[in-house]
Protein backbone atom coordinates (compact mmCIF):
# COMPACT_ATOMS: atom_id res chain seq x y z
CA MET A 1 -8.08 -3.66 -92.10
CA VAL A 2 -5.46 -6.02 -93.53
CA LEU A 3 -2.31 -6.99 -91.65
CA PRO A 4 0.84 -8.57 -93.10
CA ARG A 5 1.79 -12.16 -92.36
CA ARG A 6 5.29 -13.62 -92.23
CA ASP A 7 4.86 -15.41 -95.54
CA GLY A 8 3.62 -12.21 -97.14
CA ALA A 9 -0.02 -13.30 -97.46
CA PRO A 10 -2.58 -10.86 -96.06
CA VAL A 11 -4.58 -11.61 -92.93
CA SER A 12 -7.62 -9.72 -91.76
CA ALA A 13 -7.83 -8.00 -88.38
CA ARG A 14 -10.66 -10.39 -87.50
CA ASP A 15 -8.38 -13.40 -88.12
CA ALA A 16 -5.61 -11.75 -86.09
CA ALA A 17 -7.90 -11.23 -83.09
CA PRO A 18 -7.72 -13.77 -80.27
CA ALA A 19 -10.09 -16.71 -80.68
CA PRO A 20 -13.09 -16.68 -78.31
CA GLY A 21 -11.75 -19.82 -76.66
CA SER A 22 -8.44 -18.08 -75.91
CA VAL A 23 -10.27 -15.13 -74.41
CA ALA A 24 -12.41 -17.47 -72.31
CA LEU A 25 -9.30 -19.28 -71.05
CA ALA A 26 -7.62 -15.97 -70.17
CA VAL A 27 -10.71 -14.81 -68.28
CA LEU A 28 -10.89 -18.17 -66.49
CA LEU A 29 -7.25 -17.93 -65.40
CA ALA A 30 -7.53 -14.30 -64.32
CA GLY A 31 -10.64 -15.07 -62.31
CA TYR A 32 -9.02 -18.07 -60.66
CA VAL A 33 -5.85 -16.19 -59.72
CA ALA A 34 -7.86 -13.27 -58.33
CA LEU A 35 -10.23 -15.49 -56.35
CA PHE A 36 -7.72 -17.97 -54.97
CA GLY A 37 -4.95 -15.41 -54.56
CA GLY A 38 -7.35 -13.33 -52.49
CA ALA A 39 -8.52 -16.37 -50.55
CA ALA A 40 -4.93 -17.38 -49.76
CA TRP A 41 -4.17 -13.87 -48.51
CA PHE A 42 -7.34 -13.83 -46.39
CA LYS A 43 -6.51 -17.22 -44.88
CA TYR A 44 -3.01 -16.05 -43.98
CA ASP A 45 -4.13 -12.66 -42.67
CA ALA A 46 -6.82 -14.29 -40.51
CA PHE A 47 -4.28 -16.61 -38.83
CA LEU A 48 -5.76 -19.71 -40.48
CA MET A 49 -2.59 -21.18 -41.99
CA GLY A 50 -0.42 -23.56 -40.04
CA PHE A 51 3.18 -24.13 -39.07
CA ASP A 52 4.24 -25.83 -42.30
CA LEU A 53 4.00 -22.43 -43.99
CA ALA A 54 6.35 -21.02 -41.36
CA VAL A 55 8.87 -23.79 -42.03
CA HIS A 56 8.89 -23.16 -45.77
CA GLU A 57 9.22 -19.41 -45.38
CA GLN A 58 12.10 -19.95 -42.96
CA VAL A 59 13.76 -22.20 -45.55
CA LEU A 60 13.41 -19.56 -48.29
CA TRP A 61 14.43 -16.72 -45.96
CA ASN A 62 17.53 -18.60 -44.81
CA THR A 63 18.42 -19.59 -48.37
CA ALA A 64 18.06 -15.99 -49.55
CA HIS A 65 20.53 -15.05 -46.79
CA GLY A 66 23.09 -17.68 -47.78
CA ARG A 67 22.03 -20.45 -45.39
CA ILE A 68 20.91 -22.99 -47.97
CA ALA A 69 17.77 -24.91 -46.93
CA ALA A 70 18.41 -24.17 -43.24
CA THR A 71 15.55 -24.84 -40.85
CA SER A 72 15.35 -25.27 -37.09
CA ALA A 73 12.18 -27.04 -35.95
CA PHE A 74 12.97 -30.67 -36.84
CA ALA A 75 14.90 -33.31 -34.94
CA ALA A 76 18.15 -34.80 -36.27
CA THR A 77 18.68 -32.12 -38.94
CA GLU A 78 19.15 -28.39 -39.39
CA SER A 79 18.44 -28.63 -43.13
CA TYR A 80 15.15 -29.25 -44.89
CA LEU A 81 17.15 -31.55 -47.17
CA GLY A 82 17.21 -33.86 -44.15
CA ILE A 83 13.42 -34.07 -44.44
CA ASP A 84 13.03 -34.36 -48.22
CA LEU A 85 14.77 -33.09 -51.33
CA ILE A 86 13.26 -29.83 -52.57
CA PRO A 87 15.87 -28.16 -54.82
CA SER A 88 13.10 -26.67 -56.98
CA GLU A 89 11.78 -24.79 -53.96
CA LEU A 90 15.24 -23.39 -53.29
CA LEU A 91 15.26 -21.95 -56.82
CA LEU A 92 12.53 -19.56 -55.65
CA ALA A 93 14.91 -17.92 -53.17
CA PRO A 94 16.12 -15.15 -55.56
CA LEU A 95 12.55 -14.05 -56.20
CA TYR A 96 11.81 -14.26 -52.49
CA ALA A 97 14.89 -12.12 -51.79
CA VAL A 98 13.47 -9.39 -54.04
CA LEU A 99 9.92 -9.65 -52.65
CA PRO A 100 10.27 -11.29 -49.22
CA GLY A 101 7.19 -12.44 -47.41
CA VAL A 102 4.40 -14.98 -47.35
CA PRO A 103 2.22 -13.06 -49.87
CA THR A 104 4.88 -13.61 -52.54
CA MET A 105 4.91 -17.34 -51.83
CA LEU A 106 1.13 -17.68 -51.87
CA PHE A 107 0.62 -15.63 -55.02
CA LEU A 108 3.35 -17.52 -56.88
CA LYS A 109 1.80 -20.83 -55.89
CA THR A 110 -1.64 -19.73 -57.11
CA LEU A 111 -0.18 -18.48 -60.39
CA VAL A 112 1.66 -21.75 -61.01
CA VAL A 113 -1.46 -23.81 -60.25
CA ALA A 114 -3.41 -21.66 -62.73
CA LEU A 115 -0.79 -22.26 -65.43
CA GLY A 116 -1.56 -25.94 -65.11
CA ALA A 117 -4.95 -25.15 -66.67
CA VAL A 118 -3.17 -23.87 -69.79
CA ALA A 119 -1.35 -27.20 -70.05
CA VAL A 120 -4.65 -29.07 -69.67
CA GLU A 121 -6.23 -27.01 -72.46
CA ARG A 122 -3.27 -27.71 -74.74
CA LEU A 123 -3.27 -31.41 -73.90
CA VAL A 124 -6.93 -31.72 -74.87
CA ARG A 125 -6.31 -29.96 -78.19
CA GLN A 126 -3.15 -31.98 -78.76
CA HIS A 127 -5.19 -35.17 -78.56
CA GLY A 128 -7.87 -34.02 -80.98
CA GLY A 129 -10.18 -31.82 -78.97
CA ASP A 130 -11.27 -28.37 -80.07
CA HIS A 131 -10.57 -25.10 -78.28
CA TRP A 132 -13.79 -25.12 -76.30
CA SER A 133 -13.39 -28.68 -75.05
CA GLY A 134 -9.88 -27.70 -73.96
CA VAL A 135 -11.25 -24.71 -72.06
CA ALA A 136 -13.91 -26.91 -70.48
CA PHE A 137 -11.31 -29.37 -69.18
CA ALA A 138 -9.16 -26.47 -67.97
CA ALA A 139 -12.18 -25.34 -65.96
CA LEU A 140 -12.71 -28.88 -64.67
CA TYR A 141 -9.09 -28.96 -63.53
CA LEU A 142 -9.49 -25.66 -61.65
CA LEU A 143 -12.80 -26.86 -60.16
CA TYR A 144 -11.24 -30.12 -58.95
CA LEU A 145 -11.25 -30.05 -55.15
CA PRO A 146 -7.78 -31.64 -54.71
CA VAL A 147 -6.35 -28.81 -56.85
CA GLN A 148 -8.18 -26.13 -54.88
CA TYR A 149 -7.30 -27.52 -51.47
CA THR A 150 -3.66 -28.00 -52.47
CA ASN A 151 -3.59 -24.38 -53.57
CA LEU A 152 -4.95 -23.07 -50.26
CA TYR A 153 -3.10 -25.50 -48.00
CA GLU A 154 -0.31 -23.19 -46.90
CA PHE A 155 2.75 -23.36 -49.18
CA GLN A 156 3.57 -26.77 -50.59
CA ILE A 157 6.03 -27.24 -53.44
CA ARG A 158 4.08 -30.34 -54.54
CA ALA A 159 1.58 -27.94 -56.11
CA PHE A 160 4.32 -26.88 -58.52
CA ALA A 161 4.86 -30.54 -59.45
CA THR A 162 1.24 -30.78 -60.63
CA THR A 163 1.76 -28.06 -63.22
CA LEU A 164 5.24 -29.22 -64.20
CA LEU A 165 4.01 -32.76 -64.82
CA LEU A 166 1.11 -31.48 -66.94
CA TRP A 167 3.54 -29.54 -69.12
CA ALA A 168 5.84 -32.58 -69.26
CA LEU A 169 2.92 -34.63 -70.61
CA TRP A 170 2.26 -31.96 -73.24
CA ALA A 171 5.95 -31.95 -74.23
CA LEU A 172 5.82 -35.75 -74.40
CA GLY A 173 3.00 -35.54 -76.94
CA ARG A 174 5.14 -33.20 -79.06
CA ARG A 175 8.21 -35.42 -78.67
CA ASP A 176 10.00 -32.36 -77.34
CA ALA A 177 12.69 -34.04 -75.26
CA ARG A 178 14.27 -30.79 -74.05
CA LEU A 179 11.05 -29.34 -72.65
CA PHE A 180 9.99 -32.74 -71.32
CA TRP A 181 13.19 -33.19 -69.34
CA ALA A 182 13.27 -29.59 -68.15
CA CYS A 183 9.80 -30.07 -66.66
CA ILE A 184 10.66 -33.52 -65.30
CA ALA A 185 13.86 -32.25 -63.65
CA LEU A 186 12.01 -29.42 -61.94
CA ALA A 187 9.18 -31.76 -60.91
CA LEU A 188 11.67 -34.21 -59.38
CA GLY A 189 13.05 -31.28 -57.41
CA CYS A 190 9.67 -30.80 -55.74
CA ARG A 191 9.69 -34.03 -53.70
CA SER A 192 11.35 -37.43 -53.79
CA ASP A 193 8.08 -39.32 -54.39
CA VAL A 194 7.72 -37.60 -57.77
CA GLY A 195 10.27 -40.18 -58.89
CA LEU A 196 7.55 -42.83 -58.70
CA VAL A 197 5.31 -41.14 -61.26
CA VAL A 198 8.25 -40.23 -63.49
CA ALA A 199 9.15 -43.92 -63.59
CA GLY A 200 5.48 -44.62 -64.27
CA ILE A 201 5.56 -42.32 -67.29
CA GLY A 202 8.44 -44.37 -68.65
CA VAL A 203 6.63 -47.67 -68.10
CA TRP A 204 3.51 -46.22 -69.74
CA GLN A 205 5.46 -45.16 -72.80
CA LEU A 206 7.35 -48.43 -73.06
CA SER A 207 4.02 -50.25 -73.01
CA GLU A 208 2.83 -48.32 -76.07
CA ARG A 209 3.30 -50.21 -79.31
CA TRP A 210 2.83 -47.10 -81.38
CA TRP A 211 3.81 -43.51 -80.67
CA GLY A 212 1.50 -40.83 -82.03
CA ALA A 213 -0.72 -41.48 -85.04
CA GLY A 214 0.61 -44.63 -86.62
CA ARG A 215 4.31 -43.93 -85.97
CA ALA A 216 6.32 -46.72 -84.45
CA ALA A 217 8.51 -45.66 -81.59
CA SER A 218 12.09 -44.98 -82.55
CA GLN A 219 14.91 -46.25 -80.40
CA ARG A 220 15.71 -42.66 -79.52
CA ASP A 221 12.14 -42.03 -78.35
CA ARG A 222 12.06 -45.23 -76.34
CA LEU A 223 15.24 -44.15 -74.60
CA ALA A 224 14.27 -40.50 -74.01
CA PHE A 225 10.66 -41.07 -72.97
CA GLY A 226 10.73 -44.67 -71.79
CA TRP A 227 13.88 -46.15 -70.35
CA LEU A 228 15.40 -42.92 -69.02
CA PRO A 229 12.30 -41.87 -67.04
CA VAL A 230 12.19 -45.32 -65.44
CA ALA A 231 15.88 -45.25 -64.52
CA ILE A 232 16.01 -41.62 -63.41
CA GLY A 233 12.68 -41.70 -61.58
CA LEU A 234 13.53 -44.77 -59.52
CA GLY A 235 17.15 -43.69 -59.16
CA TRP A 236 16.09 -40.31 -57.78
CA LEU A 237 13.77 -41.94 -55.25
CA VAL A 238 16.40 -44.41 -54.04
CA LEU A 239 19.11 -41.75 -53.94
CA ALA A 240 16.89 -39.35 -52.00
CA VAL A 241 15.37 -41.74 -49.48
CA GLY A 242 18.30 -44.09 -49.08
CA VAL A 243 21.34 -41.81 -49.35
CA LEU A 244 20.94 -38.03 -49.48
CA VAL A 245 18.20 -37.42 -46.92
CA PRO A 246 19.82 -39.74 -44.33
CA TRP A 247 23.14 -37.99 -44.99
CA PHE A 248 21.58 -34.63 -44.14
CA ARG A 249 20.09 -36.29 -41.04
CA GLY A 250 23.45 -37.44 -39.74
CA GLY A 251 22.73 -41.05 -40.65
CA ALA A 252 19.19 -41.17 -39.25
CA PRO A 253 16.64 -42.82 -41.56
CA PHE A 254 14.08 -41.00 -43.67
CA LEU A 255 11.72 -39.35 -41.17
CA TYR A 256 8.34 -40.17 -42.65
CA THR A 257 8.87 -43.88 -43.26
CA ARG A 258 8.31 -44.96 -39.67
CA VAL A 259 6.05 -42.04 -38.69
CA ILE A 260 3.53 -42.78 -41.44
CA TYR A 261 3.97 -46.50 -42.12
CA GLY A 262 5.16 -47.77 -38.75
CA TRP A 263 2.02 -49.89 -38.35
CA LEU A 264 3.46 -52.18 -41.04
CA GLY A 265 6.78 -52.69 -39.26
CA ASP A 266 9.81 -50.98 -37.75
CA THR A 267 11.97 -51.15 -40.89
CA PRO A 268 11.32 -51.15 -44.65
CA PRO A 269 12.06 -54.92 -44.90
CA ALA A 270 9.62 -55.57 -42.05
CA MET A 271 7.00 -53.41 -43.76
CA LEU A 272 7.47 -55.31 -47.01
CA GLN A 273 7.18 -58.60 -45.14
CA THR A 274 3.84 -57.50 -43.67
CA LEU A 275 2.55 -56.50 -47.10
CA VAL A 276 3.51 -59.86 -48.60
CA THR A 277 2.68 -62.24 -45.75
CA ARG A 278 -0.41 -60.57 -44.27
CA PRO A 279 -2.45 -59.34 -47.24
CA GLY A 280 -5.76 -59.84 -45.43
CA TYR A 281 -4.65 -57.63 -42.57
CA VAL A 282 -3.42 -54.93 -44.95
CA LEU A 283 -6.56 -55.05 -47.09
CA GLY A 284 -8.66 -54.77 -43.96
CA VAL A 285 -6.91 -51.51 -43.13
CA ILE A 286 -6.90 -49.91 -46.57
CA GLY A 287 -10.48 -51.05 -47.16
CA SER A 288 -11.79 -48.90 -44.33
CA ALA A 289 -14.78 -46.67 -45.02
CA ASP A 290 -12.80 -43.42 -44.90
CA ARG A 291 -10.23 -44.69 -47.40
CA LEU A 292 -12.91 -45.95 -49.78
CA TRP A 293 -14.64 -42.58 -49.55
CA TYR A 294 -11.33 -40.96 -50.46
CA LEU A 295 -11.13 -43.01 -53.66
CA PHE A 296 -14.72 -42.12 -54.52
CA ALA A 297 -14.04 -38.41 -53.92
CA MET A 298 -10.98 -38.51 -56.16
CA PHE A 299 -12.74 -40.06 -59.16
CA VAL A 300 -16.34 -38.88 -59.05
CA PRO A 301 -15.70 -35.24 -60.15
CA PHE A 302 -14.63 -36.58 -63.57
CA ALA A 303 -17.49 -39.12 -63.66
CA PHE A 304 -15.00 -42.00 -63.28
CA LEU A 305 -13.82 -41.37 -66.86
CA ALA A 306 -10.20 -41.88 -65.83
CA PHE A 307 -10.81 -45.64 -65.65
CA GLY A 308 -11.12 -45.60 -69.43
CA GLN A 309 -7.32 -45.22 -69.61
CA PRO A 310 -6.09 -47.93 -67.22
CA ARG A 311 -2.43 -47.91 -68.33
CA LEU A 312 -2.19 -44.16 -67.87
CA LEU A 313 -4.01 -44.37 -64.55
CA LEU A 314 -1.57 -47.05 -63.34
CA ILE A 315 1.07 -44.31 -63.12
CA THR A 316 -0.77 -43.06 -60.04
CA ALA A 317 -1.01 -46.48 -58.36
CA PRO A 318 2.14 -46.11 -56.18
CA ILE A 319 0.99 -42.72 -54.86
CA PHE A 320 -2.51 -44.02 -54.18
CA ALA A 321 -0.92 -46.97 -52.38
CA LEU A 322 1.24 -44.70 -50.22
CA ASN A 323 -1.78 -42.60 -49.30
CA LEU A 324 -4.00 -45.59 -48.55
CA LEU A 325 -1.31 -47.26 -46.44
CA SER A 326 -0.75 -44.16 -44.32
CA SER A 327 -1.51 -44.38 -40.62
CA SER A 328 -3.09 -40.92 -40.97
CA PRO A 329 -5.76 -41.41 -43.65
CA ASN A 330 -7.50 -38.23 -42.53
CA ILE A 331 -4.47 -36.39 -43.93
CA HIS A 332 -2.91 -38.49 -46.69
CA ALA A 333 -6.04 -40.27 -47.94
CA SER A 334 -8.01 -37.06 -48.27
CA PRO A 335 -8.65 -34.71 -51.21
CA ARG A 336 -8.21 -31.79 -48.80
CA TYR A 337 -4.43 -32.05 -48.57
CA HIS A 338 -1.55 -31.71 -51.00
CA TYR A 339 -0.70 -35.40 -51.10
CA GLN A 340 -2.85 -35.77 -54.23
CA ALA A 341 -0.78 -33.26 -56.20
CA VAL A 342 1.13 -35.74 -58.36
CA ILE A 343 -1.97 -37.86 -58.96
CA VAL A 344 -3.91 -34.96 -60.47
CA PRO A 345 -2.10 -34.61 -63.84
CA PHE A 346 -2.62 -38.23 -64.83
CA LEU A 347 -6.18 -38.47 -63.57
CA VAL A 348 -7.15 -35.32 -65.48
CA LEU A 349 -5.45 -36.47 -68.69
CA ALA A 350 -6.94 -39.97 -68.40
CA ALA A 351 -10.42 -38.49 -68.00
CA ALA A 352 -9.88 -36.15 -70.95
CA LEU A 353 -8.64 -38.94 -73.24
CA THR A 354 -11.61 -41.12 -72.36
CA TRP A 355 -14.02 -38.25 -73.00
CA LEU A 356 -12.38 -37.51 -76.36
CA ALA A 357 -12.76 -41.15 -77.40
CA LEU A 358 -16.44 -41.12 -76.40
CA ALA A 359 -17.00 -37.77 -78.12
CA ARG A 360 -15.62 -39.15 -81.38
CA ARG A 361 -17.95 -42.11 -81.11
CA TRP A 362 -21.04 -40.07 -80.18
CA PRO A 363 -20.41 -36.53 -81.47
CA ALA A 364 -24.01 -35.46 -80.87
CA TRP A 365 -23.37 -35.73 -77.11
CA ARG A 366 -20.15 -33.72 -77.19
CA THR A 367 -21.49 -30.40 -75.91
CA ARG A 368 -24.08 -31.87 -73.58
CA SER A 369 -21.56 -34.21 -71.97
CA LEU A 370 -19.17 -31.31 -71.30
CA LEU A 371 -21.97 -29.34 -69.70
CA LEU A 372 -22.88 -32.34 -67.56
CA LEU A 373 -19.26 -32.69 -66.45
CA LEU A 374 -19.15 -29.02 -65.49
CA VAL A 375 -22.41 -29.36 -63.55
CA LEU A 376 -21.00 -32.44 -61.80
CA ALA A 377 -17.80 -30.56 -60.91
CA ILE A 378 -19.77 -27.65 -59.48
CA GLY A 379 -21.94 -30.08 -57.53
CA CYS A 380 -18.84 -31.75 -56.09
CA ASN A 381 -17.57 -28.30 -55.11
CA LEU A 382 -20.74 -27.61 -53.17
CA ALA A 383 -21.04 -31.08 -51.65
CA GLY A 384 -17.32 -31.31 -50.85
CA ARG A 385 -17.22 -27.83 -49.32
CA ASN A 386 -15.19 -25.73 -51.73
CA PRO A 387 -12.33 -24.18 -49.69
CA VAL A 388 -13.17 -20.64 -50.79
CA LEU A 389 -16.78 -21.09 -49.74
CA ALA A 390 -15.57 -22.61 -46.48
CA LEU A 391 -13.48 -19.50 -45.81
CA ALA A 392 -16.25 -17.13 -46.84
CA THR A 393 -18.76 -18.71 -44.48
CA ARG A 394 -16.52 -18.81 -41.39
CA ASP A 395 -17.83 -16.72 -38.53
CA ASP A 396 -15.09 -17.33 -35.97
CA ARG A 397 -12.65 -14.59 -36.94
CA ASP A 398 -11.69 -12.51 -33.91
CA PRO A 399 -10.11 -9.14 -34.86
CA ALA A 400 -9.33 -8.33 -31.23
CA ARG A 401 -7.39 -11.56 -30.84
CA GLU A 402 -5.55 -10.96 -34.10
CA ALA A 403 -4.61 -7.46 -32.93
CA THR A 404 -3.33 -8.92 -29.66
CA VAL A 405 -1.16 -11.42 -31.53
CA ALA A 406 0.28 -8.64 -33.71
CA ARG A 407 1.02 -6.54 -30.62
CA LEU A 408 2.79 -9.42 -28.86
CA ILE A 409 4.77 -10.30 -31.98
CA ALA A 410 6.13 -6.75 -31.96
CA LEU A 411 7.54 -7.38 -28.46
CA VAL A 412 9.73 -10.27 -29.63
CA PRO A 413 13.19 -9.27 -30.92
CA GLU A 414 13.56 -10.15 -34.61
CA ASP A 415 16.66 -12.26 -34.00
CA ALA A 416 15.35 -14.06 -30.90
CA ALA A 417 14.85 -17.82 -30.78
CA LEU A 418 11.08 -18.23 -30.66
CA ALA A 419 8.71 -21.12 -30.02
CA THR A 420 5.12 -20.59 -31.05
CA THR A 421 1.86 -22.30 -31.85
CA SER A 422 0.78 -23.35 -35.32
CA THR A 423 -1.12 -20.41 -36.81
CA ILE A 424 1.15 -17.74 -35.34
CA GLY A 425 4.19 -19.42 -36.89
CA PRO A 426 3.73 -18.07 -40.45
CA HIS A 427 3.80 -14.51 -39.10
CA VAL A 428 7.14 -14.85 -37.28
CA ALA A 429 9.15 -17.16 -39.56
CA ARG A 430 11.88 -14.79 -40.71
CA ARG A 431 14.41 -15.80 -38.07
CA GLU A 432 17.11 -18.44 -37.73
CA ALA A 433 15.61 -20.19 -34.70
CA LEU A 434 11.91 -21.04 -34.80
CA TYR A 435 10.29 -23.94 -32.93
CA PHE A 436 6.83 -25.46 -32.69
CA PHE A 437 4.85 -25.32 -29.46
CA PRO A 438 3.93 -27.66 -27.84
CA GLY A 439 5.78 -30.12 -30.09
CA ASN A 440 4.69 -33.27 -31.90
CA VAL A 441 6.13 -36.28 -33.70
CA ILE A 442 7.45 -34.09 -36.54
CA TYR A 443 8.48 -31.01 -34.57
CA PRO A 444 9.82 -32.41 -31.28
CA ALA A 445 9.08 -30.80 -27.92
CA GLY A 446 12.74 -31.13 -26.97
CA LYS A 447 13.47 -28.10 -29.14
CA LEU A 448 11.52 -25.88 -26.72
CA ALA A 449 14.56 -25.80 -24.46
CA LEU A 450 16.32 -23.71 -27.13
CA ALA A 451 13.66 -20.98 -27.24
CA GLU A 452 14.28 -17.59 -25.65
CA TYR A 453 10.64 -16.53 -26.09
CA LEU A 454 7.37 -18.44 -26.31
CA LEU A 455 4.29 -16.97 -27.98
CA VAL A 456 1.32 -19.23 -27.27
CA ASP A 457 -2.27 -19.28 -28.48
CA ALA A 458 -4.15 -21.18 -25.77
CA ARG A 459 -6.53 -22.68 -28.35
CA GLU A 460 -3.64 -24.53 -30.00
CA ALA A 461 -1.51 -25.39 -26.98
CA ARG A 462 -3.33 -28.68 -26.25
CA PRO A 463 -3.25 -30.24 -22.75
CA ALA A 464 0.42 -31.13 -23.11
CA GLY A 465 1.29 -27.52 -23.88
CA HIS A 466 -0.65 -26.13 -20.95
CA ALA A 467 0.98 -28.66 -18.63
CA TRP A 468 4.41 -27.72 -19.98
CA LEU A 469 3.80 -24.01 -19.32
CA VAL A 470 2.56 -24.66 -15.78
CA ALA A 471 5.58 -26.82 -14.96
CA ALA A 472 8.08 -24.44 -16.58
CA GLN A 473 6.64 -21.43 -14.74
CA ARG A 474 6.56 -23.31 -11.44
CA ASP A 475 10.21 -24.27 -11.87
CA GLY A 476 11.20 -20.69 -12.67
CA GLN A 477 12.24 -21.50 -16.23
CA ILE A 478 9.93 -18.95 -17.90
CA THR A 479 8.39 -15.60 -17.00
CA LEU A 480 5.08 -14.26 -18.28
CA LEU A 481 5.55 -10.95 -20.11
CA ALA A 482 2.02 -10.29 -21.37
CA ALA A 483 -1.28 -12.06 -21.92
CA ALA A 484 -4.64 -11.12 -23.43
CA ASP A 485 -7.43 -12.74 -25.44
CA GLY A 486 -6.06 -16.21 -24.78
CA VAL A 487 -2.61 -15.38 -26.18
CA SER A 488 0.45 -15.22 -23.94
CA LEU A 489 4.08 -14.18 -24.36
CA TRP A 490 6.76 -15.76 -22.19
CA ARG A 491 10.49 -15.26 -21.86
CA ARG A 492 12.96 -17.81 -20.63
CA SER A 493 14.20 -16.71 -17.25
CA ASP A 494 17.78 -17.70 -17.99
CA PRO A 495 18.14 -17.81 -21.80
């Protein structure tokens, strides 16, 4: 069979058929979306996702109802824009309004993460790789534990930044300024710290003597892909952290600065002074065993190939520094949380570029080296406890307890102000007033005084929560309505 082509020349049906590599990529993406979409649903349905998911659904639900970015659980602000700038997340509100609910959020996140694999495949081909090497690196990206854990860690808009930055890098290689800046703008709208890597892209490009294959950079290119990313990336960060977020907090400083980096000092100048004047002390902290293991876990799945592109890898240095300097390395300096999301694009591309250079030098090892990388990635999945395998091997699900929670949720009026424990939160988030029980440094316990109802899972209440309930009941502030399977529902005696 012969089909027409635009230029009039004939093309056979065989030539018109999708290439095997394209079919393999499509199968890979479909399998990933099915597996991780199902895993995300299971994790949510089994009450295994935490309160952050509740906060983000409340933000989308409120935005869809005209209350832009409104949230209730934080101190000093009633807007999530007083926590960080996430305009790209707010753009999801129209879709959420059509299909409201956590499943929509989780499926969309999984789909967007999967689309990052398409960008990886195109980046590899753009830099001289063939279709199959592109598919292999797409698979490596999807097998990378930081990508998988980010996908299944509740709903975090940083996951969208990973894919947007990958497509921005592809647009950069094409010198497509419109697509590049569309992706960059949306990525910046995912979190303020994205500004650091956007500025890094600009520095990386300005440090290149030649653009593309033997083409000197034009002044226009240096402006569009060099100077502007530096200015806009840093400008966005300063504007967000220094002006807009404090404005939405009524003048209070950026929340996470002191919470996460308070060990360095009480104010940013004091923190900087510690970094400059006490380098031994700082290095002693960031050189701890758990932080060094974090660095190893980030680089080993790609066989440390990323170090072959040091200038590209330097883009990630500020984010690595923020994670290593955190007072909570078990969260920030860990591949199991979403704080690696904006590192991933550059680490993957750096590894791919190094592999391509080695493959050109030793072509006989091309196929074998890809197979070895895939085996290494699978081994890291098994050794690092792949999150899907971790879910599949859990044996602590309690259907009776889950049924009790669902029954007690039904007793709470939909418009009531509710305080609840972490994993129940995502199932009750569609309300204007939602608070975290028993409270912590991010979600203050003082908000509990505003709750009309309290729905408490005893496993998550912690000693402080149990003590609070005992004292509040003793003082006649709350009345027990129902309790079973370690879950209790309380109502404020005088709302």
